[in-house]
Protein backbone atom coordinates (compact mmCIF):
# COMPACT_ATOMS: atom_id res chain seq x y z
CA MET A 1 0.06 -0.19 -0.09
CA PHE A 2 2.88 2.26 0.80
CA LYS A 3 4.75 1.60 -2.25
CA THR A 4 1.30 2.16 -4.19
CA LYS A 5 0.91 5.49 -2.76
CA SER A 6 4.77 6.62 -3.10
CA ALA A 7 4.48 5.74 -6.88
CA LEU A 8 1.30 7.79 -7.15
CA ARG A 9 3.04 10.61 -5.51
CA LEU A 10 5.98 10.38 -7.91
CA THR A 11 3.62 10.19 -11.05
CA LEU A 12 1.59 13.08 -10.30
CA PHE A 13 4.81 15.11 -9.12
CA VAL A 14 6.24 14.36 -12.73
CA SER A 15 2.99 14.98 -14.37
CA VAL A 16 2.93 18.42 -12.91
CA ILE A 17 6.75 19.11 -13.86
CA SER A 18 5.74 18.00 -17.52
CA LEU A 19 2.79 20.41 -17.22
CA LEU A 20 5.05 23.42 -16.12
CA LEU A 21 7.62 22.31 -18.81
CA ALA A 22 4.94 22.42 -21.68
CA LEU A 23 3.50 25.73 -20.49
CA THR A 24 7.07 27.26 -20.27
CA LEU A 25 7.57 26.37 -23.82
CA ALA A 26 4.22 27.62 -24.77
CA MET A 27 4.90 30.81 -23.26
CA LEU A 28 8.20 31.33 -24.99
CA LEU A 29 6.79 30.50 -28.47
CA LEU A 30 3.87 32.93 -27.67
CA GLY A 31 6.65 35.73 -27.81
CA ASN A 32 7.70 37.90 -30.71
CA TYR A 33 9.58 34.91 -32.19
CA GLY A 34 6.13 32.86 -32.53
CA VAL A 35 5.56 34.24 -36.08
CA SER A 36 9.02 33.99 -37.44
CA ILE A 37 9.20 30.51 -36.49
CA GLN A 38 5.99 29.54 -37.90
CA ASN A 39 6.65 31.06 -41.14
CA TYR A 40 10.24 29.57 -41.51
CA LEU A 41 8.76 26.10 -40.66
CA HIS A 42 6.09 26.54 -43.22
CA THR A 43 8.61 26.96 -45.95
CA LEU A 44 10.14 23.73 -44.95
CA ILE A 45 6.96 21.76 -44.61
CA PRO A 46 3.97 23.27 -46.10
CA SER A 47 0.66 22.53 -44.72
CA THR A 48 -0.57 20.43 -47.45
CA LEU A 49 -1.21 16.64 -47.87
CA LEU A 50 2.31 16.33 -48.91
CA GLY A 51 3.57 18.05 -46.16
CA GLY A 52 1.80 15.84 -43.69
CA LEU A 53 3.24 12.86 -45.16
CA ILE A 54 6.65 14.12 -44.90
CA PHE A 55 6.11 15.35 -41.42
CA THR A 56 4.74 11.80 -40.39
CA LEU A 57 7.77 10.35 -42.11
CA LEU A 58 10.23 12.50 -40.04
CA LEU A 59 8.44 12.27 -36.92
CA THR A 60 7.83 8.53 -36.99
CA PRO A 61 11.49 7.57 -36.46
CA ALA A 62 12.12 10.62 -34.22
CA MET A 63 9.10 9.29 -31.69
CA ALA A 64 10.65 5.53 -31.99
CA LEU A 65 13.91 6.87 -30.90
CA GLY A 66 12.30 8.87 -27.73
CA LEU A 67 10.96 12.40 -29.12
CA PRO A 68 8.26 13.04 -26.25
CA ARG A 69 4.81 12.88 -27.61
CA GLN A 70 3.93 16.30 -26.27
CA ILE A 71 6.80 18.08 -28.43
CA ALA A 72 5.49 16.09 -31.46
CA ALA A 73 1.94 16.79 -30.92
CA LEU A 74 2.76 20.76 -30.12
CA SER A 75 4.76 20.78 -33.26
CA ALA A 76 2.09 19.17 -35.48
CA GLY A 77 -0.53 21.53 -34.02
CA PHE A 78 1.73 24.17 -34.70
CA LEU A 79 2.22 23.46 -38.45
CA PHE A 80 -0.92 21.84 -39.50
CA GLY A 81 -3.59 23.03 -36.99
CA ALA A 82 -5.48 21.11 -33.99
CA SER A 83 -7.46 18.40 -35.84
CA TYR A 84 -5.16 17.65 -38.48
CA GLY A 85 -1.96 17.93 -36.28
CA MET A 86 -3.43 15.43 -33.90
CA VAL A 87 -4.31 12.82 -36.27
CA LEU A 88 -0.67 13.05 -37.61
CA ALA A 89 0.91 13.03 -34.22
CA THR A 90 -0.86 10.04 -33.23
CA VAL A 91 -0.21 8.10 -36.30
CA ALA A 92 3.44 8.92 -35.92
CA ALA A 93 3.32 8.05 -32.31
CA VAL A 94 1.48 4.41 -32.85
CA LEU A 95 3.96 3.67 -35.81
CA GLY A 96 6.93 4.90 -33.62
CA CYS A 97 5.62 2.53 -30.87
CA LEU A 98 5.24 -0.43 -33.22
CA ILE A 99 8.90 -0.15 -34.54
CA THR A 100 10.34 0.20 -31.21
CA LEU A 101 8.29 -2.73 -30.01
CA MET A 102 9.41 -4.71 -32.77
CA LEU A 103 13.32 -3.83 -32.59
CA ALA A 104 13.26 -4.44 -28.86
CA ARG A 105 11.77 -7.99 -29.34
CA LYS A 106 14.32 -8.97 -32.14
CA LEU A 107 17.41 -7.19 -30.75
CA PHE A 108 16.99 -7.28 -26.90
CA ALA A 109 15.01 -10.21 -25.69
CA HIS A 110 17.52 -12.88 -25.98
CA LYS A 111 20.25 -10.87 -24.37
CA VAL A 112 18.51 -9.71 -21.88
CA GLN A 113 16.80 -12.96 -20.86
CA HIS A 114 20.37 -14.66 -20.69
CA TYR A 115 21.71 -12.00 -18.48
CA TYR A 116 18.84 -10.69 -16.50
CA PRO A 117 16.05 -13.75 -16.36
CA GLN A 118 14.69 -12.84 -12.97
CA GLN A 119 14.37 -9.44 -13.74
CA LEU A 120 12.67 -9.85 -17.16
CA ALA A 121 10.39 -12.59 -15.72
CA LYS A 122 8.83 -9.70 -13.68
CA VAL A 123 8.43 -7.36 -16.52
CA SER A 124 6.87 -10.19 -18.80
CA HIS A 125 4.69 -11.02 -16.00
CA PHE A 126 3.62 -7.45 -15.56
CA PHE A 127 2.82 -7.01 -19.30
CA SER A 128 1.11 -10.39 -19.74
CA TYR A 129 -1.97 -9.66 -17.76
CA ASN A 130 -4.45 -6.81 -18.62
CA THR A 131 -1.98 -5.39 -21.34
CA PHE A 132 -4.59 -2.96 -22.80
CA LEU A 133 -5.58 -1.18 -19.70
CA LYS A 134 -1.70 -0.84 -18.54
CA ALA A 135 -0.97 0.28 -21.95
CA LEU A 136 -3.98 2.74 -21.82
CA ILE A 137 -3.01 4.11 -18.46
CA ILE A 138 0.47 4.48 -18.94
CA ARG A 139 0.04 6.54 -22.19
CA LEU A 140 -2.63 8.61 -20.42
CA LEU A 141 -0.17 9.95 -18.08
CA PRO A 142 2.07 12.71 -19.46
CA ALA A 143 4.91 11.22 -17.15
CA GLY A 144 7.34 8.71 -18.27
CA SER A 145 9.08 7.75 -21.52
CA ASN A 146 7.55 6.27 -24.53
CA PHE A 147 10.64 4.88 -25.53
CA LEU A 148 11.62 3.09 -22.29
CA THR A 149 8.18 2.01 -21.87
CA ASN A 150 8.25 0.26 -25.55
CA VAL A 151 11.91 -1.05 -25.07
CA LEU A 152 10.75 -2.64 -21.95
CA ALA A 153 7.50 -4.24 -23.31
CA GLY A 154 9.12 -5.27 -26.45
CA THR A 155 12.04 -6.99 -24.50
CA ALA A 156 9.23 -8.87 -22.11
CA ARG A 157 7.50 -9.98 -25.55
CA SER A 158 4.35 -8.02 -24.39
CA PRO A 159 1.31 -9.08 -26.56
CA ILE A 160 1.70 -6.87 -29.51
CA LYS A 161 -2.07 -5.94 -30.50
CA PRO A 162 -3.45 -4.98 -27.04
CA TYR A 163 -0.50 -3.09 -26.21
CA VAL A 164 -0.57 -1.24 -29.45
CA LEU A 165 -4.23 -0.81 -29.26
CA GLY A 166 -4.08 0.47 -25.72
CA SER A 167 -1.21 2.68 -26.56
CA ALA A 168 -3.19 4.42 -29.45
CA LEU A 169 -6.39 5.06 -27.45
CA GLY A 170 -4.15 6.50 -24.67
CA PHE A 171 -2.18 8.64 -26.95
CA MET A 172 -5.27 10.53 -28.14
CA PRO A 173 -6.28 12.78 -25.03
CA GLN A 174 -2.66 14.32 -25.02
CA MET A 175 -2.35 14.62 -28.61
CA THR A 176 -5.36 16.30 -28.96
CA ILE A 177 -4.56 18.79 -25.97
CA PHE A 178 -0.81 19.45 -27.30
CA SER A 179 -2.16 19.83 -30.88
CA LEU A 180 -4.60 22.40 -29.38
CA MET A 181 -1.89 24.06 -27.71
CA GLY A 182 0.49 24.16 -30.73
CA ALA A 183 -2.43 25.62 -32.93
CA GLY A 184 -2.77 28.22 -30.20
CA LEU A 185 0.74 29.36 -30.42
CA GLN A 186 -0.36 30.84 -33.78
CA VAL A 187 -1.28 34.77 -33.85
CA ASN A 188 -4.52 35.21 -31.81
CA GLY A 189 -4.44 31.72 -30.76
CA GLN A 190 -4.47 32.34 -27.07
CA GLN A 191 -8.12 31.03 -26.31
CA GLN A 192 -6.94 27.82 -28.08
CA LEU A 193 -3.90 27.72 -25.69
CA ILE A 194 -6.20 28.29 -22.61
CA ILE A 195 -8.67 25.58 -23.51
CA SER A 196 -5.73 22.86 -23.99
CA ILE A 197 -4.25 23.73 -20.71
CA ALA A 198 -7.67 23.25 -19.00
CA LEU A 199 -8.04 19.94 -20.90
CA LEU A 200 -4.59 18.90 -20.20
CA ILE A 201 -5.38 19.64 -16.19
CA LEU A 202 -8.65 17.78 -16.61
CA ALA A 203 -6.79 14.69 -18.38
CA LEU A 204 -4.53 14.51 -15.30
CA LEU A 205 -7.17 14.41 -12.98
CA LEU A 206 -9.07 11.62 -15.22
CA SER A 207 -5.84 9.46 -15.44
CA SER A 208 -5.49 9.69 -11.50
CA TYR A 209 -9.24 8.61 -10.89
CA LEU A 210 -8.66 5.78 -13.61
CA TYR A 211 -5.45 4.45 -11.88
CA GLN A 212 -7.19 4.81 -8.51
CA LYS A 213 -10.28 2.73 -9.62
CA THR A 214 -8.32 -0.11 -11.60
CA ARG A 215 -5.12 -0.55 -9.65
CA HIS A 216 -6.13 -3.76 -8.55
CA LYS A 217 -5.98 -5.12 -11.97
CA PHE A 218 -3.09 -2.62 -13.00
CA THR A 219 -0.82 -4.68 -10.39
CA LEU A 220 -2.47 -8.16 -10.91
CA GLY A 221 -0.01 -10.75 -11.46
C-alpha cells in the first residue's frame, strides 16, 4: 500500500513538472519569435497533404527513438492546426511505438533473457496481464518515456495487439491537448491555448482517477 501511494505521488509530481515544462515552452513561443518560427517552418514543411506525409515520415523515427509525444503533438498542431495535427502526431506515435516494440523483441529479448532472467520474468509477468488497460493508463499520464516503455514491453515480449491498441487510445487525449496548444501558438490563438491547458489539467485528474479505480487490475500478477 505504501509503495502504491509513493508511486502515485511520484507520478503526479512528474506530471506536474511535465505540465510546467509544456507551459514554459508555450509561453516562450507566444513571444515575438512565434510568427517568425512559424513562417520559417512552413517554408520547410507546407500545410498540405504532401507536407503532412513528409512530417509523419520524419516524426515516426524520431518518436521511435524517444522524441516526447508532447513535443510531437505541439509541433504538429503548430504546423497543421489542431485536428490535422492531432491525427498526424497520433499516427506517428503509434507507428513509432510499433517500430520500437518490434526492434526490442528482435534485438534485446534474448540477450536480456540470458543476463537478467529474473528481472525480465517480472517485467514479462507485468505486461502479460491486462495489457490493454496497462498500456492505456501508462499513455494517459504525461509522465514517463515512450521509448523506455516500448523497449521494456518489447523485450518482455508483450502481446502486440492489446499493447498497441491500448497505446493508440491512450495517446489520443494528450495528442489532442498538445495539438490544440500548438495551434494556439499561432497569432490570436490564446483562446485555444487556454482551452488546451484546461483540458490537460482535466486529463491529469481523470488519469489519476482511472488509476485509483483499476489499480487492483494494474498490479495483478
